[in-house]
Amino acid sequence: MKIDERVLRDITERLSGKEITAAKALAPAAKMRKLDATQGFSAKGIPGYFCGDRNAKTVVVNLNPGMDAALADCLWDIRKDNYNQTSPQAFINDLYEEYKNFGLRDAARYDEFDIKQAAFLIPWKDSGITLPQEIDNKDKCTCLLAKKNVLCQKLQLELVPYASSRFDIVKNDENRKLFVPYIDTLLDEIFAKERKYVIFNSAIFVDFFKYYNDAEKTEVFKLGEDCSEILQNRKGKCRVVYIHFNDRIQKALIAHTFPSQSLCRAFGLMRKYGEFCYKVWLNHP
């Protein structure tokens, strides 16, 4: 299912007063921690399908929007009035404008996750993203400008568009197969345009891609060997992937260490990790 088809289905359900069926269907796959025993994926909130420029040469894929599901559900009644509700497509047109320009609309908010994305991408040559050579968390102006550009000038995709504050997958085949349609959607969007860089920001994608290969009975994702480097007493890991889809091949990278909480404010260290990943990328033709 293409992103546009998924969006139309989900928004049509919400505008008719229903919960999002697809979000509810994923509940068995998420093992929530004790403090979040009732947490699941938001089935009432506005999903976050993508952000930025869908024609961008750089694509970054995250797991899902990190927000408490109950809070995301509550925000539906607050946010829906920002969009044209005369029809699902009119609503979606406004929503897409927001996704495209989110970096501008959100320019004044200091967000460490988005800034560390910018720091990571600094060493990636000709990414299509205008970034400074260094990012220091004491220089708020530079941080905010880098955040705006990294949100507007790349395409950011989410494996699952439905918000949750945890994404702890119960690792069994019954649960893994629930995510196969979402990988289909990612591949369709990634291969819709020529891309220079495609980066998956979590080691969990290794498990997803291995299962996807098994489910498809063909090797869509050809996984390279793990590469690691010590970064100030922390081990940074990544690997190159070759995606075979629609008679084309797209080189990609899995940045295993990107989600590490210890790197949240360590923008200098995140830049070094990005440089290491870029060198691994260059060493694979």
Protein backbone atom coordinates (compact mmCIF):
# COMPACT_ATOMS: atom_id res chain seq x y z
CA MET A 1 0.00 0.00 0.00
CA LYS A 2 1.36 3.41 -0.98
CA ILE A 3 1.61 6.19 1.61
CA ASP A 4 -1.16 8.16 -0.10
CA GLU A 5 -3.48 5.16 0.05
CA ARG A 6 -2.67 4.53 3.71
CA VAL A 7 -3.26 8.18 4.59
CA LEU A 8 -6.61 8.25 2.80
CA ARG A 9 -7.79 5.10 4.57
CA ASP A 10 -6.71 6.29 8.04
CA ILE A 11 -8.00 9.86 7.74
CA THR A 12 -11.32 8.68 6.30
CA GLU A 13 -11.79 6.46 9.37
CA ARG A 14 -10.99 9.26 11.81
CA LEU A 15 -13.24 11.81 10.09
CA SER A 16 -16.10 9.32 10.31
CA GLY A 17 -15.54 9.09 14.08
CA LYS A 18 -13.86 5.67 14.06
CA GLU A 19 -10.50 4.65 15.49
CA ILE A 20 -7.72 3.81 13.04
CA THR A 21 -8.05 0.08 12.40
CA ALA A 22 -4.42 -0.37 11.33
CA ALA A 23 -3.07 1.18 14.55
CA LYS A 24 -5.25 -1.08 16.71
CA ALA A 25 -4.11 -4.14 14.74
CA LEU A 26 -0.47 -3.49 15.71
CA ALA A 27 -1.13 -3.61 19.46
CA PRO A 28 -0.06 -7.28 19.93
CA ALA A 29 3.38 -6.53 18.50
CA ALA A 30 4.39 -3.93 21.07
CA LYS A 31 5.60 -5.11 24.45
CA MET A 32 5.16 -2.14 26.75
CA ARG A 33 7.21 -1.73 29.89
CA LYS A 34 5.63 -1.93 33.36
CA LEU A 35 5.24 1.80 33.72
CA ASP A 36 3.47 1.88 30.36
CA ALA A 37 1.37 -1.24 30.75
CA THR A 38 -1.63 0.34 29.05
CA GLN A 39 0.40 2.08 26.37
CA GLY A 40 -0.13 1.18 22.73
CA PHE A 41 -0.15 2.92 19.38
CA SER A 42 -2.34 5.98 18.97
CA ALA A 43 -5.51 4.96 17.12
CA LYS A 44 -7.26 8.34 17.42
CA GLY A 45 -4.50 10.89 16.83
CA ILE A 46 -3.24 12.28 13.52
CA PRO A 47 -0.49 9.89 12.37
CA GLY A 48 2.94 11.11 11.30
CA TYR A 49 3.52 9.47 7.94
CA PHE A 50 6.40 11.63 6.72
CA CYS A 51 8.05 15.00 7.12
CA GLY A 52 9.88 17.25 4.67
CA ASP A 53 10.51 17.00 0.94
CA ARG A 54 9.21 13.83 -0.75
CA ASN A 55 11.58 14.51 -3.68
CA ALA A 56 14.67 14.83 -1.46
CA LYS A 57 17.89 13.02 -2.31
CA THR A 58 18.39 12.04 1.36
CA VAL A 59 15.88 9.81 3.16
CA VAL A 60 15.99 9.02 6.87
CA VAL A 61 13.70 6.34 8.30
CA ASN A 62 12.75 6.24 11.99
CA LEU A 63 10.59 3.73 13.84
CA ASN A 64 7.57 5.88 14.71
CA PRO A 65 6.58 9.28 16.15
CA GLY A 66 7.70 9.30 19.77
CA MET A 67 4.71 10.62 21.70
CA ASP A 68 2.54 9.16 24.42
CA ALA A 69 -0.35 7.44 22.63
CA ALA A 70 -3.00 8.81 25.00
CA LEU A 71 -1.69 12.34 24.48
CA ALA A 72 -1.68 11.88 20.69
CA ASP A 73 -5.29 10.67 20.91
CA CYS A 74 -6.32 13.75 22.88
CA LEU A 75 -4.70 16.07 20.34
CA TRP A 76 -7.10 14.97 17.58
CA ASP A 77 -9.87 17.24 18.86
CA ILE A 78 -7.42 20.14 19.16
CA ARG A 79 -5.60 19.69 15.84
CA LYS A 80 -8.39 18.66 13.48
CA ASP A 81 -9.78 22.20 13.29
CA ASN A 82 -6.52 23.30 11.62
CA TYR A 83 -7.49 21.35 8.50
CA ASN A 84 -10.26 21.52 5.91
CA GLN A 85 -12.81 18.90 6.97
CA THR A 86 -15.15 19.13 3.97
CA SER A 87 -13.71 15.84 2.67
CA PRO A 88 -10.91 13.41 3.56
CA GLN A 89 -8.87 14.58 0.56
CA ALA A 90 -9.24 18.26 1.51
CA PHE A 91 -8.08 17.37 5.04
CA ILE A 92 -5.11 15.44 3.59
CA ASN A 93 -4.10 18.32 1.31
CA ASP A 94 -3.78 20.60 4.35
CA LEU A 95 -2.02 17.86 6.30
CA TYR A 96 0.55 17.35 3.53
CA GLU A 97 1.32 21.07 3.52
CA GLU A 98 1.97 20.83 7.24
CA TYR A 99 4.24 17.80 6.79
CA LYS A 100 6.17 19.53 4.02
CA ASN A 101 6.66 22.75 5.98
CA PHE A 102 6.90 21.29 9.48
CA GLY A 103 10.49 22.52 9.86
CA LEU A 104 9.30 26.10 9.31
CA ARG A 105 6.20 25.80 11.50
CA ASP A 106 8.24 24.21 14.29
CA ALA A 107 11.29 26.45 13.86
CA ALA A 108 11.21 27.99 17.35
CA ARG A 109 11.11 24.68 19.28
CA TYR A 110 14.41 23.28 20.50
CA ASP A 111 14.30 19.51 19.90
CA GLU A 112 17.36 17.41 20.71
CA PHE A 113 16.32 14.47 18.52
CA ASP A 114 16.03 16.63 15.39
CA ILE A 115 19.26 18.48 16.16
CA LYS A 116 21.16 15.23 16.60
CA GLN A 117 19.86 14.17 13.17
CA ALA A 118 21.46 17.32 11.79
CA ALA A 119 24.74 16.62 13.61
CA PHE A 120 24.83 13.06 12.28
CA LEU A 121 24.27 14.22 8.69
CA ILE A 122 26.94 16.97 8.65
CA PRO A 123 29.67 14.68 7.20
CA TRP A 124 27.42 13.25 4.45
CA LYS A 125 28.60 15.08 1.32
CA ASP A 126 26.09 16.50 -1.15
CA SER A 127 23.10 15.42 0.96
CA GLY A 128 20.95 18.30 -0.25
CA ILE A 129 20.73 19.61 3.33
CA THR A 130 22.36 22.92 4.28
CA LEU A 131 24.12 22.34 7.61
CA PRO A 132 26.91 24.02 9.63
CA GLN A 133 30.24 22.25 10.03
CA GLU A 134 29.76 21.97 13.79
CA ILE A 135 26.78 22.02 16.14
CA ASP A 136 27.26 23.09 19.74
CA ASN A 137 24.34 22.82 22.17
CA LYS A 138 25.39 26.18 23.65
CA ASP A 139 24.77 27.90 20.30
CA LYS A 140 20.98 27.83 20.21
CA CYS A 141 20.66 29.86 17.00
CA THR A 142 22.81 27.45 15.01
CA CYS A 143 20.97 24.50 16.54
CA LEU A 144 17.57 25.88 15.54
CA LEU A 145 18.68 26.70 11.99
CA ALA A 146 20.17 23.21 11.57
CA LYS A 147 16.95 21.70 12.92
CA LYS A 148 14.82 23.68 10.45
CA ASN A 149 16.94 22.64 7.48
CA VAL A 150 17.21 18.98 8.42
CA LEU A 151 13.41 18.79 8.71
CA CYS A 152 12.66 20.68 5.48
CA GLN A 153 15.41 19.51 3.13
CA LYS A 154 15.34 15.73 3.59
CA LEU A 155 12.52 13.19 3.54
CA GLN A 156 11.85 11.69 6.95
CA LEU A 157 9.75 8.53 6.98
CA GLU A 158 8.34 6.53 9.88
CA LEU A 159 8.09 2.74 9.71
CA VAL A 160 4.87 3.00 11.71
CA PRO A 161 3.07 6.36 11.54
CA TYR A 162 1.13 5.90 14.79
CA ALA A 163 2.51 7.53 17.93
CA SER A 164 3.72 5.69 21.02
CA SER A 165 6.25 6.47 23.74
CA ARG A 166 7.73 2.95 23.56
CA PHE A 167 8.52 0.63 20.71
CA ASP A 168 9.63 -2.61 22.31
CA ILE A 169 8.83 -5.31 19.78
CA VAL A 170 7.92 -8.78 20.95
CA LYS A 171 10.25 -10.79 18.72
CA ASN A 172 8.26 -13.59 17.21
CA ASP A 173 7.21 -14.23 13.64
CA GLU A 174 3.53 -13.57 14.33
CA ASN A 175 4.39 -10.05 15.42
CA ARG A 176 7.11 -9.39 12.85
CA LYS A 177 4.75 -10.17 9.98
CA LEU A 178 2.46 -7.34 11.12
CA PHE A 179 5.14 -4.90 9.96
CA VAL A 180 5.67 -6.35 6.48
CA PRO A 181 2.98 -4.07 4.91
CA TYR A 182 4.70 -1.04 6.46
CA ILE A 183 8.04 -2.02 4.94
CA ASP A 184 6.22 -2.36 1.59
CA THR A 185 5.03 1.23 2.03
CA LEU A 186 8.55 2.46 2.86
CA LEU A 187 10.04 0.80 -0.19
CA ASP A 188 7.37 2.19 -2.48
CA GLU A 189 8.06 5.73 -1.25
CA ILE A 190 11.86 5.39 -1.25
CA PHE A 191 11.95 4.03 -4.80
CA ALA A 192 9.46 6.62 -6.11
CA LYS A 193 12.43 8.97 -6.75
CA GLU A 194 16.17 8.71 -7.25
CA ARG A 195 17.81 8.85 -3.81
CA LYS A 196 21.45 9.46 -2.92
CA TYR A 197 21.36 8.41 0.73
CA VAL A 198 18.87 6.19 2.58
CA ILE A 199 19.47 5.75 6.31
CA PHE A 200 17.52 3.56 8.74
CA ASN A 201 17.92 4.79 12.31
CA SER A 202 17.73 1.67 14.49
CA ALA A 203 19.32 -1.76 14.80
CA ILE A 204 15.81 -3.22 14.96
CA PHE A 205 15.60 -2.80 11.18
CA VAL A 206 18.06 -5.70 10.85
CA ASP A 207 15.46 -8.05 12.36
CA PHE A 208 12.67 -6.56 10.27
CA PHE A 209 14.64 -6.91 7.05
CA LYS A 210 15.71 -10.49 7.76
CA TYR A 211 12.10 -11.45 8.40
CA TYR A 212 10.98 -9.53 5.31
CA ASN A 213 13.39 -11.56 3.19
CA ASP A 214 11.98 -14.77 4.67
CA ALA A 215 8.40 -13.62 4.18
CA GLU A 216 9.03 -12.61 0.58
CA LYS A 217 10.98 -15.82 -0.16
CA THR A 218 13.57 -13.67 -1.89
CA GLU A 219 16.50 -11.58 -0.72
CA VAL A 220 15.19 -8.05 -1.04
CA PHE A 221 17.57 -6.74 1.63
CA LYS A 222 21.19 -7.87 1.24
CA LEU A 223 22.76 -7.12 4.63
CA GLY A 224 26.45 -6.34 4.93
CA GLU A 225 28.60 -7.10 7.94
CA ASP A 226 28.42 -5.04 11.13
CA CYS A 227 31.06 -2.32 11.37
CA SER A 228 31.90 -0.76 14.72
CA GLU A 229 34.12 1.94 16.19
CA ILE A 230 34.79 3.12 19.73
CA LEU A 231 33.54 6.67 20.20
CA GLN A 232 34.72 7.97 23.57
CA ASN A 233 34.04 4.70 25.40
CA ARG A 234 30.86 4.10 23.40
CA LYS A 235 30.67 1.62 20.55
CA GLY A 236 29.12 2.98 17.37
CA LYS A 237 27.77 0.37 14.96
CA CYS A 238 26.34 0.42 11.46
CA ARG A 239 26.06 -1.69 8.32
CA VAL A 240 25.41 -1.14 4.63
CA VAL A 241 22.34 -2.70 3.01
CA TYR A 242 21.48 -3.23 -0.65
CA ILE A 243 17.75 -3.12 -1.37
CA HIS A 244 16.50 -4.93 -4.48
CA PHE A 245 13.06 -3.64 -5.40
CA ASN A 246 11.17 -3.05 -8.66
CA ASP A 247 14.20 -4.11 -10.73
CA ARG A 248 16.41 -1.47 -9.10
CA ILE A 249 19.06 -1.51 -6.39
CA GLN A 250 19.28 1.14 -3.66
CA LYS A 251 22.24 1.27 -1.31
CA ALA A 252 21.23 2.12 2.26
CA LEU A 253 22.72 2.22 5.75
CA ILE A 254 21.42 0.98 9.08
CA ALA A 255 22.68 3.28 11.87
CA HIS A 256 22.41 0.86 14.80
CA THR A 257 23.59 3.33 17.44
CA PHE A 258 21.53 6.35 16.37
CA PRO A 259 18.70 5.90 18.93
CA SER A 260 21.11 5.72 21.89
CA GLN A 261 19.88 8.04 24.66
CA SER A 262 23.50 8.68 25.69
CA LEU A 263 24.04 10.52 22.40
CA CYS A 264 21.02 12.81 22.74
CA ARG A 265 22.88 15.97 23.75
CA ALA A 266 26.33 14.83 22.59
CA PHE A 267 26.08 16.57 19.23
CA GLY A 268 29.86 16.51 18.69
CA LEU A 269 29.91 12.77 19.30
CA MET A 270 26.90 12.29 17.04
CA ARG A 271 28.77 14.14 14.29
CA LYS A 272 31.72 11.74 14.75
CA TYR A 273 29.34 8.80 14.57
CA GLY A 274 27.89 10.23 11.34
CA GLU A 275 31.42 10.59 9.96
CA PHE A 276 32.19 6.95 10.83
CA CYS A 277 28.96 5.78 9.15
CA TYR A 278 29.75 7.85 6.08
CA LYS A 279 33.21 6.27 5.80
CA VAL A 280 31.60 2.81 6.01
CA TRP A 281 29.19 3.92 3.29
CA LEU A 282 32.06 5.03 1.03
CA ASN A 283 33.93 1.75 1.56
CA HIS A 284 31.02 -0.16 -0.02
CA PRO A 285 30.55 0.42 -3.77
